[in-house]
């Protein structure tokens, strides 16, 4: 099997290369960690505005933002992200932020905990 065929065989069903290498890495980490395949680039509305989440589990209102320095290092990006997170939280979303330095096991643990928190709140 050629290298290209090997790489193609490793893709997840419905694979989308996403917006960044970090998004691709997070997708693989979450699935290999036993979590369901998250939706990529999910458009959501909150506070009358439209946002796009890098990865999301809409059934449990868990969003995952992958914060690369290139996109998130400016003053306006910082404030936009805080405003977006506040509006999403008021709409019932829980958002996890990860960077390239986040360890794989920490991504899985954080997302698992958020998914569990939603399920516990529904069952309560």
PDB file of N, CA and C in Angstrom:
ATOM      1  N   UNK A   1       0.857  -1.176   0.000  1.00  0.00           N
ATOM      2  CA  UNK A   1       0.000   0.000   0.000  1.00  0.00           C
ATOM      3  C   UNK A   1       0.903   1.239   0.000  1.00  0.00           C
ATOM      4  N   UNK A   2       0.601   2.191  -0.842  1.00  0.00           N
ATOM      5  CA  UNK A   2       1.410   3.407  -0.905  1.00  0.00           C
ATOM      6  C   UNK A   2       1.151   4.285   0.302  1.00  0.00           C
ATOM      7  N   UNK A   3       2.021   5.233   0.522  1.00  0.00           N
ATOM      8  CA  UNK A   3       1.882   6.152   1.658  1.00  0.00           C
ATOM      9  C   UNK A   3       0.564   6.929   1.566  1.00  0.00           C
ATOM     10  N   UNK A   4       0.200   7.361   0.373  1.00  0.00           N
ATOM     11  CA  UNK A   4      -1.051   8.105   0.190  1.00  0.00           C
ATOM     12  C   UNK A   4      -2.246   7.232   0.548  1.00  0.00           C
ATOM     13  N   UNK A   5      -2.237   5.978   0.098  1.00  0.00           N
ATOM     14  CA  UNK A   5      -3.345   5.077   0.423  1.00  0.00           C
ATOM     15  C   UNK A   5      -3.435   4.834   1.924  1.00  0.00           C
ATOM     16  N   UNK A   6      -2.290   4.718   2.573  1.00  0.00           N
ATOM     17  CA  UNK A   6      -2.270   4.530   4.025  1.00  0.00           C
ATOM     18  C   UNK A   6      -2.897   5.726   4.722  1.00  0.00           C
ATOM     19  N   UNK A   7      -2.510   6.920   4.309  1.00  0.00           N
ATOM     20  CA  UNK A   7      -3.069   8.130   4.909  1.00  0.00           C
ATOM     21  C   UNK A   7      -4.565   8.243   4.653  1.00  0.00           C
ATOM     22  N   UNK A   8      -4.992   7.939   3.443  1.00  0.00           N
ATOM     23  CA  UNK A   8      -6.420   8.010   3.126  1.00  0.00           C
ATOM     24  C   UNK A   8      -7.216   6.988   3.936  1.00  0.00           C
ATOM     25  N   UNK A   9      -6.643   5.829   4.184  1.00  0.00           N
ATOM     26  CA  UNK A   9      -7.327   4.799   4.957  1.00  0.00           C
ATOM     27  C   UNK A   9      -7.508   5.208   6.415  1.00  0.00           C
ATOM     28  N   UNK A  10      -6.672   6.122   6.905  1.00  0.00           N
ATOM     29  CA  UNK A  10      -6.743   6.556   8.293  1.00  0.00           C
ATOM     30  C   UNK A  10      -7.779   7.664   8.510  1.00  0.00           C
ATOM     31  N   UNK A  11      -8.329   8.189   7.441  1.00  0.00           N
ATOM     32  CA  UNK A  11      -9.318   9.254   7.589  1.00  0.00           C
ATOM     33  C   UNK A  11     -10.544   8.754   8.315  1.00  0.00           C
ATOM     34  N   UNK A  12     -11.201   9.664   9.013  1.00  0.00           N
ATOM     35  CA  UNK A  12     -12.452   9.335   9.675  1.00  0.00           C
ATOM     36  C   UNK A  12     -13.583   9.394   8.665  1.00  0.00           C
ATOM     37  N   UNK A  13     -14.687   8.677   8.900  1.00  0.00           N
ATOM     38  CA  UNK A  13     -15.824   8.781   7.993  1.00  0.00           C
ATOM     39  C   UNK A  13     -16.280  10.238   7.891  1.00  0.00           C
ATOM     40  N   UNK A  14     -16.519  10.702   6.693  1.00  0.00           N
ATOM     41  CA  UNK A  14     -16.956  12.080   6.500  1.00  0.00           C
ATOM     42  C   UNK A  14     -15.860  13.092   6.758  1.00  0.00           C
ATOM     43  N   UNK A  15     -14.618  12.645   6.692  1.00  0.00           N
ATOM     44  CA  UNK A  15     -13.468  13.505   7.011  1.00  0.00           C
ATOM     45  C   UNK A  15     -13.505  14.822   6.255  1.00  0.00           C
ATOM     46  N   UNK A  16     -13.231  15.879   6.981  1.00  0.00           N
ATOM     47  CA  UNK A  16     -13.093  17.223   6.429  1.00  0.00           C
ATOM     48  C   UNK A  16     -11.769  17.733   6.968  1.00  0.00           C
ATOM     49  N   UNK A  17     -10.884  18.243   6.120  1.00  0.00           N
ATOM     50  CA  UNK A  17      -9.579  18.668   6.618  1.00  0.00           C
ATOM     51  C   UNK A  17      -9.642  19.835   7.591  1.00  0.00           C
ATOM     52  N   UNK A  18     -10.786  20.495   7.706  1.00  0.00           N
ATOM     53  CA  UNK A  18     -10.924  21.579   8.667  1.00  0.00           C
ATOM     54  C   UNK A  18     -10.141  22.808   8.293  1.00  0.00           C
ATOM     55  N   UNK A  19     -10.073  23.723   9.246  1.00  0.00           N
ATOM     56  CA  UNK A  19      -9.412  24.999   8.999  1.00  0.00           C
ATOM     57  C   UNK A  19      -7.954  25.014   9.407  1.00  0.00           C
ATOM     58  N   UNK A  20      -7.503  23.981  10.142  1.00  0.00           N
ATOM     59  CA  UNK A  20      -6.131  24.015  10.629  1.00  0.00           C
ATOM     60  C   UNK A  20      -5.640  22.613  10.965  1.00  0.00           C
ATOM     61  N   UNK A  21      -4.336  22.496  11.096  1.00  0.00           N
ATOM     62  CA  UNK A  21      -3.753  21.237  11.547  1.00  0.00           C
ATOM     63  C   UNK A  21      -4.212  20.923  12.966  1.00  0.00           C
ATOM     64  N   UNK A  22      -4.377  21.964  13.787  1.00  0.00           N
ATOM     65  CA  UNK A  22      -4.839  21.757  15.159  1.00  0.00           C
ATOM     66  C   UNK A  22      -6.248  21.177  15.173  1.00  0.00           C
ATOM     67  N   UNK A  23      -7.101  21.636  14.278  1.00  0.00           N
ATOM     68  CA  UNK A  23      -8.460  21.094  14.200  1.00  0.00           C
ATOM     69  C   UNK A  23      -8.421  19.619  13.816  1.00  0.00           C
ATOM     70  N   UNK A  24      -7.593  19.280  12.845  1.00  0.00           N
ATOM     71  CA  UNK A  24      -7.456  17.889  12.418  1.00  0.00           C
ATOM     72  C   UNK A  24      -6.938  17.032  13.561  1.00  0.00           C
ATOM     73  N   UNK A  25      -5.932  17.544  14.268  1.00  0.00           N
ATOM     74  CA  UNK A  25      -5.373  16.805  15.405  1.00  0.00           C
ATOM     75  C   UNK A  25      -6.436  16.587  16.479  1.00  0.00           C
ATOM     76  N   UNK A  26      -7.172  17.637  16.846  1.00  0.00           N
ATOM     77  CA  UNK A  26      -8.192  17.523  17.886  1.00  0.00           C
ATOM     78  C   UNK A  26      -9.266  16.521  17.489  1.00  0.00           C
ATOM     79  N   UNK A  27      -9.683  16.546  16.250  1.00  0.00           N
ATOM     80  CA  UNK A  27     -10.690  15.612  15.764  1.00  0.00           C
ATOM     81  C   UNK A  27     -10.211  14.173  15.958  1.00  0.00           C
ATOM     82  N   UNK A  28      -9.002  13.902  15.544  1.00  0.00           N
ATOM     83  CA  UNK A  28      -8.451  12.551  15.683  1.00  0.00           C
ATOM     84  C   UNK A  28      -8.298  12.153  17.153  1.00  0.00           C
ATOM     85  N   UNK A  29      -7.824  13.087  17.973  1.00  0.00           N
ATOM     86  CA  UNK A  29      -7.602  12.816  19.399  1.00  0.00           C
ATOM     87  C   UNK A  29      -8.921  12.476  20.086  1.00  0.00           C
ATOM     88  N   UNK A  30      -9.962  13.258  19.825  1.00  0.00           N
ATOM     89  CA  UNK A  30     -11.248  13.033  20.478  1.00  0.00           C
ATOM     90  C   UNK A  30     -11.835  11.675  20.092  1.00  0.00           C
ATOM     91  N   UNK A  31     -11.781  11.360  18.819  1.00  0.00           N
ATOM     92  CA  UNK A  31     -12.344  10.091  18.350  1.00  0.00           C
ATOM     93  C   UNK A  31     -11.510   8.917  18.866  1.00  0.00           C
ATOM     94  N   UNK A  32     -10.197   9.028  18.804  1.00  0.00           N
ATOM     95  CA  UNK A  32      -9.367   7.929  19.313  1.00  0.00           C
ATOM     96  C   UNK A  32      -9.470   7.814  20.831  1.00  0.00           C
ATOM     97  N   UNK A  33      -9.914   8.880  21.498  1.00  0.00           N
ATOM     98  CA  UNK A  33     -10.138   8.851  22.937  1.00  0.00           C
ATOM     99  C   UNK A  33     -11.492   8.289  23.327  1.00  0.00           C
ATOM    100  N   UNK A  34     -12.253   7.805  22.339  1.00  0.00           N
ATOM    101  CA  UNK A  34     -13.524   7.159  22.626  1.00  0.00           C
ATOM    102  C   UNK A  34     -14.750   8.044  22.515  1.00  0.00           C
ATOM    103  N   UNK A  35     -14.569   9.293  22.109  1.00  0.00           N
ATOM    104  CA  UNK A  35     -15.710  10.206  21.963  1.00  0.00           C
ATOM    105  C   UNK A  35     -16.310  10.087  20.563  1.00  0.00           C
ATOM    106  N   UNK A  36     -17.583  10.451  20.414  1.00  0.00           N
ATOM    107  CA  UNK A  36     -18.190  10.436  19.083  1.00  0.00           C
ATOM    108  C   UNK A  36     -17.501  11.473  18.177  1.00  0.00           C
ATOM    109  N   UNK A  37     -17.663  11.298  16.892  1.00  0.00           N
ATOM    110  CA  UNK A  37     -17.105  12.252  15.935  1.00  0.00           C
ATOM    111  C   UNK A  37     -17.851  13.573  16.080  1.00  0.00           C
ATOM    112  N   UNK A  38     -17.137  14.667  16.395  1.00  0.00           N
ATOM    113  CA  UNK A  38     -17.812  15.957  16.520  1.00  0.00           C
ATOM    114  C   UNK A  38     -18.110  16.554  15.152  1.00  0.00           C
ATOM    115  N   UNK A  39     -19.055  17.474  15.107  1.00  0.00           N
ATOM    116  CA  UNK A  39     -19.350  18.231  13.883  1.00  0.00           C
ATOM    117  C   UNK A  39     -18.248  19.257  13.694  1.00  0.00           C
ATOM    118  N   UNK A  40     -17.835  19.466  12.477  1.00  0.00           N
ATOM    119  CA  UNK A  40     -16.808  20.450  12.169  1.00  0.00           C
ATOM    120  C   UNK A  40     -17.436  21.723  11.621  1.00  0.00           C
ATOM    121  N   UNK A  41     -16.883  22.863  12.040  1.00  0.00           N
ATOM    122  CA  UNK A  41     -17.296  24.170  11.534  1.00  0.00           C
ATOM    123  C   UNK A  41     -18.813  24.351  11.616  1.00  0.00           C
ATOM    124  N   UNK A  42     -19.353  24.095  12.792  1.00  0.00           N
ATOM    125  CA  UNK A  42     -20.797  24.186  13.006  1.00  0.00           C
ATOM    126  C   UNK A  42     -21.227  25.631  13.204  1.00  0.00           C
ATOM    127  N   UNK A  43     -22.173  26.078  12.410  1.00  0.00           N
ATOM    128  CA  UNK A  43     -22.722  27.426  12.558  1.00  0.00           C
ATOM    129  C   UNK A  43     -23.809  27.391  13.631  1.00  0.00           C
ATOM    130  N   UNK A  44     -23.713  28.303  14.594  1.00  0.00           N
ATOM    131  CA  UNK A  44     -24.698  28.405  15.668  1.00  0.00           C
ATOM    132  C   UNK A  44     -25.121  29.861  15.826  1.00  0.00           C
ATOM    133  N   UNK A  45     -26.333  30.075  16.347  1.00  0.00           N
ATOM    134  CA  UNK A  45     -26.833  31.428  16.611  1.00  0.00           C
ATOM    135  C   UNK A  45     -26.955  31.608  18.115  1.00  0.00           C
ATOM    136  N   UNK A  46     -26.512  32.780  18.560  1.00  0.00           N
ATOM    137  CA  UNK A  46     -26.636  33.128  19.973  1.00  0.00           C
ATOM    138  C   UNK A  46     -26.658  34.651  20.069  1.00  0.00           C
ATOM    139  N   UNK A  47     -27.567  35.166  20.866  1.00  0.00           N
ATOM    140  CA  UNK A  47     -27.654  36.609  21.041  1.00  0.00           C
ATOM    141  C   UNK A  47     -27.894  37.352  19.747  1.00  0.00           C
ATOM    142  N   UNK A  48     -28.632  36.723  18.826  1.00  0.00           N
ATOM    143  CA  UNK A  48     -28.927  37.353  17.550  1.00  0.00           C
ATOM    144  C   UNK A  48     -27.760  37.383  16.584  1.00  0.00           C
ATOM    145  N   UNK A  49     -26.681  36.693  16.922  1.00  0.00           N
ATOM    146  CA  UNK A  49     -25.502  36.662  16.046  1.00  0.00           C
ATOM    147  C   UNK A  49     -25.191  35.230  15.638  1.00  0.00           C
ATOM    148  N   UNK A  50     -24.453  35.113  14.569  1.00  0.00           N
ATOM    149  CA  UNK A  50     -24.071  33.804  14.043  1.00  0.00           C
ATOM    150  C   UNK A  50     -22.584  33.601  14.298  1.00  0.00           C
ATOM    151  N   UNK A  51     -22.248  32.426  14.811  1.00  0.00           N
ATOM    152  CA  UNK A  51     -20.857  32.070  15.071  1.00  0.00           C
ATOM    153  C   UNK A  51     -20.574  30.705  14.468  1.00  0.00           C
ATOM    154  N   UNK A  52     -19.316  30.442  14.219  1.00  0.00           N
ATOM    155  CA  UNK A  52     -18.911  29.133  13.737  1.00  0.00           C
ATOM    156  C   UNK A  52     -17.982  28.523  14.772  1.00  0.00           C
ATOM    157  N   UNK A  53     -18.332  27.328  15.231  1.00  0.00           N
ATOM    158  CA  UNK A  53     -17.514  26.597  16.186  1.00  0.00           C
ATOM    159  C   UNK A  53     -16.595  25.643  15.431  1.00  0.00           C
ATOM    160  N   UNK A  54     -15.349  25.568  15.845  1.00  0.00           N
ATOM    161  CA  UNK A  54     -14.394  24.682  15.166  1.00  0.00           C
ATOM    162  C   UNK A  54     -14.888  23.242  15.184  1.00  0.00           C
ATOM    163  N   UNK A  55     -15.235  22.755  16.357  1.00  0.00           N
ATOM    164  CA  UNK A  55     -15.793  21.415  16.526  1.00  0.00           C
ATOM    165  C   UNK A  55     -16.943  21.537  17.520  1.00  0.00           C
ATOM    166  N   UNK A  56     -17.927  20.662  17.405  1.00  0.00           N
ATOM    167  CA  UNK A  56     -19.065  20.770  18.321  1.00  0.00           C
ATOM    168  C   UNK A  56     -19.822  19.464  18.421  1.00  0.00           C
ATOM    169  N   UNK A  57     -20.447  19.318  19.586  1.00  0.00           N
ATOM    170  CA  UNK A  57     -21.414  18.261  19.841  1.00  0.00           C
ATOM    171  C   UNK A  57     -22.734  18.972  20.108  1.00  0.00           C
ATOM    172  N   UNK A  58     -23.496  19.282  19.061  1.00  0.00           N
ATOM    173  CA  UNK A  58     -24.722  20.066  19.258  1.00  0.00           C
ATOM    174  C   UNK A  58     -25.761  19.363  20.127  1.00  0.00           C
ATOM    175  N   UNK A  59     -25.764  18.037  20.145  1.00  0.00           N
ATOM    176  CA  UNK A  59     -26.745  17.312  20.954  1.00  0.00           C
ATOM    177  C   UNK A  59     -26.566  17.566  22.444  1.00  0.00           C
ATOM    178  N   UNK A  60     -25.347  17.910  22.873  1.00  0.00           N
ATOM    179  CA  UNK A  60     -25.094  18.193  24.290  1.00  0.00           C
ATOM    180  C   UNK A  60     -24.584  19.618  24.490  1.00  0.00           C
ATOM    181  N   UNK A  61     -24.682  20.428  23.440  1.00  0.00           N
ATOM    182  CA  UNK A  61     -24.290  21.844  23.480  1.00  0.00           C
ATOM    183  C   UNK A  61     -22.874  22.063  23.997  1.00  0.00           C
ATOM    184  N   UNK A  62     -21.957  21.253  23.461  1.00  0.00           N
ATOM    185  CA  UNK A  62     -20.535  21.409  23.779  1.00  0.00           C
ATOM    186  C   UNK A  62     -19.826  21.877  22.516  1.00  0.00           C
ATOM    187  N   UNK A  63     -19.163  23.022  22.634  1.00  0.00           N
ATOM    188  CA  UNK A  63     -18.380  23.561  21.531  1.00  0.00           C
ATOM    189  C   UNK A  63     -16.901  23.493  21.860  1.00  0.00           C
ATOM    190  N   UNK A  64     -16.099  23.334  20.837  1.00  0.00           N
ATOM    191  CA  UNK A  64     -14.656  23.240  21.007  1.00  0.00           C
ATOM    192  C   UNK A  64     -14.009  24.264  20.088  1.00  0.00           C
ATOM    193  N   UNK A  65     -13.245  25.155  20.694  1.00  0.00           N
ATOM    194  CA  UNK A  65     -12.520  26.171  19.941  1.00  0.00           C
ATOM    195  C   UNK A  65     -11.030  25.870  20.030  1.00  0.00           C
ATOM    196  N   UNK A  66     -10.386  25.885  18.889  1.00  0.00           N
ATOM    197  CA  UNK A  66      -8.965  25.584  18.784  1.00  0.00           C
ATOM    198  C   UNK A  66      -8.250  26.885  18.475  1.00  0.00           C
ATOM    199  N   UNK A  67      -7.576  27.380  19.492  1.00  0.00           N
ATOM    200  CA  UNK A  67      -7.030  28.730  19.450  1.00  0.00           C
ATOM    201  C   UNK A  67      -5.576  28.748  18.996  1.00  0.00           C
ATOM    202  N   UNK A  68      -5.385  29.007  17.717  1.00  0.00           N
ATOM    203  CA  UNK A  68      -4.042  29.185  17.180  1.00  0.00           C
ATOM    204  C   UNK A  68      -3.594  30.625  17.372  1.00  0.00           C
ATOM    205  N   UNK A  69      -2.333  30.823  17.583  1.00  0.00           N
ATOM    206  CA  UNK A  69      -1.790  32.160  17.842  1.00  0.00           C
ATOM    207  C   UNK A  69      -2.032  33.099  16.666  1.00  0.00           C
ATOM    208  N   UNK A  70      -1.929  32.598  15.446  1.00  0.00           N
ATOM    209  CA  UNK A  70      -2.086  33.450  14.262  1.00  0.00           C
ATOM    210  C   UNK A  70      -3.430  34.166  14.240  1.00  0.00           C
ATOM    211  N   UNK A  71      -4.465  33.503  14.677  1.00  0.00           N
ATOM    212  CA  UNK A  71      -5.817  34.059  14.628  1.00  0.00           C
ATOM    213  C   UNK A  71      -6.215  34.790  15.902  1.00  0.00           C
ATOM    214  N   UNK A  72      -5.673  34.386  17.027  1.00  0.00           N
ATOM    215  CA  UNK A  72      -6.178  34.866  18.313  1.00  0.00           C
ATOM    216  C   UNK A  72      -5.221  35.767  19.093  1.00  0.00           C
ATOM    217  N   UNK A  73      -4.223  36.325  18.461  1.00  0.00           N
ATOM    218  CA  UNK A  73      -3.221  37.097  19.210  1.00  0.00           C
ATOM    219  C   UNK A  73      -3.473  38.602  19.255  1.00  0.00           C
ATOM    220  N   UNK A  74      -4.542  39.068  18.643  1.00  0.00           N
ATOM    221  CA  UNK A  74      -4.800  40.507  18.632  1.00  0.00           C
ATOM    222  C   UNK A  74      -5.794  40.904  19.724  1.00  0.00           C
ATOM    223  N   UNK A  75      -5.774  42.174  20.065  1.00  0.00           N
ATOM    224  CA  UNK A  75      -6.682  42.736  21.055  1.00  0.00           C
ATOM    225  C   UNK A  75      -8.132  42.500  20.643  1.00  0.00           C
ATOM    226  N   UNK A  76      -8.457  42.764  19.377  1.00  0.00           N
ATOM    227  CA  UNK A  76      -9.848  42.609  18.934  1.00  0.00           C
ATOM    228  C   UNK A  76     -10.267  41.138  18.923  1.00  0.00           C
ATOM    229  N   UNK A  77      -9.374  40.239  18.546  1.00  0.00           N
ATOM    230  CA  UNK A  77      -9.707  38.815  18.553  1.00  0.00           C
ATOM    231  C   UNK A  77      -9.966  38.328  19.976  1.00  0.00           C
ATOM    232  N   UNK A  78      -9.142  38.793  20.902  1.00  0.00           N
ATOM    233  CA  UNK A  78      -9.318  38.428  22.313  1.00  0.00           C
ATOM    234  C   UNK A  78     -10.710  38.829  22.793  1.00  0.00           C
ATOM    235  N   UNK A  79     -11.104  40.076  22.542  1.00  0.00           N
ATOM    236  CA  UNK A  79     -12.403  40.564  23.003  1.00  0.00           C
ATOM    237  C   UNK A  79     -13.564  39.920  22.252  1.00  0.00           C
ATOM    238  N   UNK A  80     -13.392  39.669  20.977  1.00  0.00           N
ATOM    239  CA  UNK A  80     -14.425  38.985  20.197  1.00  0.00           C
ATOM    240  C   UNK A  80     -14.681  37.600  20.783  1.00  0.00           C
ATOM    241  N   UNK A  81     -13.606  36.890  21.102  1.00  0.00           N
ATOM    242  CA  UNK A  81     -13.760  35.543  21.664  1.00  0.00           C
ATOM    243  C   UNK A  81     -14.492  35.563  22.998  1.00  0.00           C
ATOM    244  N   UNK A  82     -14.202  36.546  23.856  1.00  0.00           N
ATOM    245  CA  UNK A  82     -14.883  36.630  25.151  1.00  0.00           C
ATOM    246  C   UNK A  82     -16.369  36.921  24.944  1.00  0.00           C
ATOM    247  N   UNK A  83     -16.672  37.849  24.046  1.00  0.00           N
ATOM    248  CA  UNK A  83     -18.075  38.192  23.773  1.00  0.00           C
ATOM    249  C   UNK A  83     -18.822  36.986  23.211  1.00  0.00           C
ATOM    250  N   UNK A  84     -18.199  36.306  22.247  1.00  0.00           N
ATOM    251  CA  UNK A  84     -18.815  35.113  21.648  1.00  0.00           C
ATOM    252  C   UNK A  84     -19.083  34.060  22.716  1.00  0.00           C
ATOM    253  N   UNK A  85     -18.097  33.799  23.572  1.00  0.00           N
ATOM    254  CA  UNK A  85     -18.274  32.774  24.606  1.00  0.00           C
ATOM    255  C   UNK A  85     -19.393  33.135  25.570  1.00  0.00           C
ATOM    256  N   UNK A  86     -19.509  34.405  25.921  1.00  0.00           N
ATOM    257  CA  UNK A  86     -20.574  34.841  26.826  1.00  0.00           C
ATOM    258  C   UNK A  86     -21.947  34.648  26.178  1.00  0.00           C
ATOM    259  N   UNK A  87     -22.067  35.007  24.917  1.00  0.00           N
ATOM    260  CA  UNK A  87     -23.346  34.832  24.217  1.00  0.00           C
ATOM    261  C   UNK A  87     -23.688  33.347  24.071  1.00  0.00           C
ATOM    262  N   UNK A  88     -22.697  32.532  23.760  1.00  0.00           N
ATOM    263  CA  UNK A  88     -22.943  31.094  23.630  1.00  0.00           C
ATOM    264  C   UNK A  88     -23.327  30.488  24.984  1.00  0.00           C
ATOM    265  N   UNK A  89     -22.662  30.920  26.051  1.00  0.00           N
ATOM    266  CA  UNK A  89     -22.996  30.416  27.392  1.00  0.00           C
ATOM    267  C   UNK A  89     -24.431  30.779  27.758  1.00  0.00           C
ATOM    268  N   UNK A  90     -24.849  31.991  27.413  1.00  0.00           N
ATOM    269  CA  UNK A  90     -26.224  32.401  27.726  1.00  0.00           C
ATOM    270  C   UNK A  90     -27.239  31.601  26.911  1.00  0.00           C
ATOM    271  N   UNK A  91     -26.796  31.013  25.807  1.00  0.00           N
ATOM    272  CA  UNK A  91     -27.668  30.169  24.987  1.00  0.00           C
ATOM    273  C   UNK A  91     -27.543  28.693  25.374  1.00  0.00           C
ATOM    274  N   UNK A  92     -26.799  28.414  26.453  1.00  0.00           N
ATOM    275  CA  UNK A  92     -26.710  27.047  26.952  1.00  0.00           C
ATOM    276  C   UNK A  92     -25.527  26.238  26.469  1.00  0.00           C
ATOM    277  N   UNK A  93     -24.613  26.861  25.743  1.00  0.00           N
ATOM    278  CA  UNK A  93     -23.431  26.154  25.250  1.00  0.00           C
ATOM    279  C   UNK A  93     -22.307  26.196  26.273  1.00  0.00           C
ATOM    280  N   UNK A  94     -21.541  25.118  26.340  1.00  0.00           N
ATOM    281  CA  UNK A  94     -20.310  25.069  27.119  1.00  0.00           C
ATOM    282  C   UNK A  94     -19.164  24.987  26.104  1.00  0.00           C
ATOM    283  N   UNK A  95     -18.186  25.867  26.242  1.00  0.00           N
ATOM    284  CA  UNK A  95     -17.111  25.955  25.271  1.00  0.00           C
ATOM    285  C   UNK A  95     -15.782  25.571  25.910  1.00  0.00           C
ATOM    286  N   UNK A  96     -15.070  24.676  25.264  1.00  0.00           N
ATOM    287  CA  UNK A  96     -13.721  24.293  25.686  1.00  0.00           C
ATOM    288  C   UNK A  96     -12.740  24.914  24.698  1.00  0.00           C
ATOM    289  N   UNK A  97     -11.683  25.502  25.228  1.00  0.00           N
ATOM    290  CA  UNK A  97     -10.634  26.093  24.398  1.00  0.00           C
ATOM    291  C   UNK A  97      -9.365  25.267  24.522  1.00  0.00           C
ATOM    292  N   UNK A  98      -8.769  24.973  23.383  1.00  0.00           N
ATOM    293  CA  UNK A  98      -7.509  24.245  23.371  1.00  0.00           C
ATOM    294  C   UNK A  98      -6.524  24.944  22.444  1.00  0.00           C
ATOM    295  N   UNK A  99      -5.251  24.785  22.748  1.00  0.00           N
ATOM    296  CA  UNK A  99      -4.192  25.312  21.883  1.00  0.00           C
ATOM    297  C   UNK A  99      -3.313  24.150  21.439  1.00  0.00           C
ATOM    298  N   UNK A 100      -2.335  24.451  20.631  1.00  0.00           N
ATOM    299  CA  UNK A 100      -1.411  23.424  20.155  1.00  0.00           C
ATOM    300  C   UNK A 100      -0.638  22.793  21.312  1.00  0.00           C
ATOM    301  N   UNK A 101      -0.538  23.480  22.423  1.00  0.00           N
ATOM    302  CA  UNK A 101       0.191  22.950  23.577  1.00  0.00           C
ATOM    303  C   UNK A 101      -0.663  22.088  24.495  1.00  0.00           C
ATOM    304  N   UNK A 102      -1.955  22.004  24.234  1.00  0.00           N
ATOM    305  CA  UNK A 102      -2.817  21.175  25.072  1.00  0.00           C
ATOM    306  C   UNK A 102      -2.503  19.709  24.817  1.00  0.00           C
ATOM    307  N   UNK A 103      -2.232  18.986  25.882  1.00  0.00           N
ATOM    308  CA  UNK A 103      -1.948  17.551  25.763  1.00  0.00           C
ATOM    309  C   UNK A 103      -3.203  16.808  25.302  1.00  0.00           C
ATOM    310  N   UNK A 104      -2.997  15.780  24.511  1.00  0.00           N
ATOM    311  CA  UNK A 104      -4.109  15.009  23.962  1.00  0.00           C
ATOM    312  C   UNK A 104      -5.044  14.504  25.060  1.00  0.00           C
ATOM    313  N   UNK A 105      -4.484  13.928  26.112  1.00  0.00           N
ATOM    314  CA  UNK A 105      -5.329  13.356  27.166  1.00  0.00           C
ATOM    315  C   UNK A 105      -6.140  14.440  27.881  1.00  0.00           C
ATOM    316  N   UNK A 106      -5.619  15.670  27.916  1.00  0.00           N
ATOM    317  CA  UNK A 106      -6.372  16.758  28.547  1.00  0.00           C
ATOM    318  C   UNK A 106      -7.548  17.185  27.684  1.00  0.00           C
ATOM    319  N   UNK A 107      -7.381  17.149  26.364  1.00  0.00           N
ATOM    320  CA  UNK A 107      -8.510  17.453  25.473  1.00  0.00           C
ATOM    321  C   UNK A 107      -9.637  16.451  25.708  1.00  0.00           C
ATOM    322  N   UNK A 108      -9.284  15.177  25.696  1.00  0.00           N
ATOM    323  CA  UNK A 108     -10.287  14.124  25.865  1.00  0.00           C
ATOM    324  C   UNK A 108     -10.974  14.258  27.222  1.00  0.00           C
ATOM    325  N   UNK A 109     -10.193  14.473  28.276  1.00  0.00           N
ATOM    326  CA  UNK A 109     -10.766  14.581  29.622  1.00  0.00           C
ATOM    327  C   UNK A 109     -11.705  15.780  29.740  1.00  0.00           C
ATOM    328  N   UNK A 110     -11.305  16.921  29.188  1.00  0.00           N
ATOM    329  CA  UNK A 110     -12.133  18.124  29.286  1.00  0.00           C
ATOM    330  C   UNK A 110     -13.448  17.969  28.525  1.00  0.00           C
ATOM    331  N   UNK A 111     -13.385  17.444  27.322  1.00  0.00           N
ATOM    332  CA  UNK A 111     -14.602  17.282  26.515  1.00  0.00           C
ATOM    333  C   UNK A 111     -15.508  16.212  27.127  1.00  0.00           C
ATOM    334  N   UNK A 112     -14.919  15.154  27.630  1.00  0.00           N
ATOM    335  CA  UNK A 112     -15.702  14.113  28.299  1.00  0.00           C
ATOM    336  C   UNK A 112     -16.438  14.704  29.500  1.00  0.00           C
ATOM    337  N   UNK A 113     -15.739  15.526  30.278  1.00  0.00           N
ATOM    338  CA  UNK A 113     -16.361  16.154  31.453  1.00  0.00           C
ATOM    339  C   UNK A 113     -17.506  17.084  31.059  1.00  0.00           C
ATOM    340  N   UNK A 114     -17.326  17.867  30.004  1.00  0.00           N
ATOM    341  CA  UNK A 114     -18.400  18.765  29.557  1.00  0.00           C
ATOM    342  C   UNK A 114     -19.605  17.983  29.058  1.00  0.00           C
ATOM    343  N   UNK A 115     -19.353  16.930  28.296  1.00  0.00           N
ATOM    344  CA  UNK A 115     -20.464  16.100  27.815  1.00  0.00           C
ATOM    345  C   UNK A 115     -21.209  15.488  29.003  1.00  0.00           C
ATOM    346  N   UNK A 116     -20.481  15.028  30.004  1.00  0.00           N
ATOM    347  CA  UNK A 116     -21.096  14.435  31.203  1.00  0.00           C
ATOM    348  C   UNK A 116     -21.892  15.483  31.969  1.00  0.00           C
ATOM    349  N   UNK A 117     -21.357  16.687  32.065  1.00  0.00           N
ATOM    350  CA  UNK A 117     -22.053  17.759  32.793  1.00  0.00           C
ATOM    351  C   UNK A 117     -23.415  18.030  32.149  1.00  0.00           C
ATOM    352  N   UNK A 118     -23.451  18.074  30.816  1.00  0.00           N
ATOM    353  CA  UNK A 118     -24.725  18.295  30.135  1.00  0.00           C
ATOM    354  C   UNK A 118     -25.693  17.157  30.432  1.00  0.00           C
ATOM    355  N   UNK A 119     -25.201  15.932  30.303  1.00  0.00           N
ATOM    356  CA  UNK A 119     -26.064  14.770  30.519  1.00  0.00           C
ATOM    357  C   UNK A 119     -26.592  14.721  31.948  1.00  0.00           C
ATOM    358  N   UNK A 120     -25.765  15.133  32.931  1.00  0.00           N
ATOM    359  CA  UNK A 120     -26.210  15.166  34.322  1.00  0.00           C
ATOM    360  C   UNK A 120     -27.263  16.256  34.531  1.00  0.00           C
ATOM    361  N   UNK A 121     -27.091  17.392  33.864  1.00  0.00           N
ATOM    362  CA  UNK A 121     -28.050  18.491  34.037  1.00  0.00           C
ATOM    363  C   UNK A 121     -29.404  18.137  33.435  1.00  0.00           C
ATOM    364  N   UNK A 122     -29.407  17.358  32.373  1.00  0.00           N
ATOM    365  CA  UNK A 122     -30.654  16.937  31.755  1.00  0.00           C
ATOM    366  C   UNK A 122     -31.344  15.883  32.611  1.00  0.00           C
ATOM    367  N   UNK A 123     -30.533  15.007  33.203  1.00  0.00           N
ATOM    368  CA  UNK A 123     -31.086  13.953  34.039  1.00  0.00           C
ATOM    369  C   UNK A 123     -31.511  14.425  35.420  1.00  0.00           C
ATOM    370  N   UNK A 124     -31.056  15.623  35.820  1.00  0.00           N
ATOM    371  CA  UNK A 124     -31.364  16.126  37.170  1.00  0.00           C
ATOM    372  C   UNK A 124     -32.768  16.632  37.286  1.00  0.00           C
TER     373      UNK A 124
END
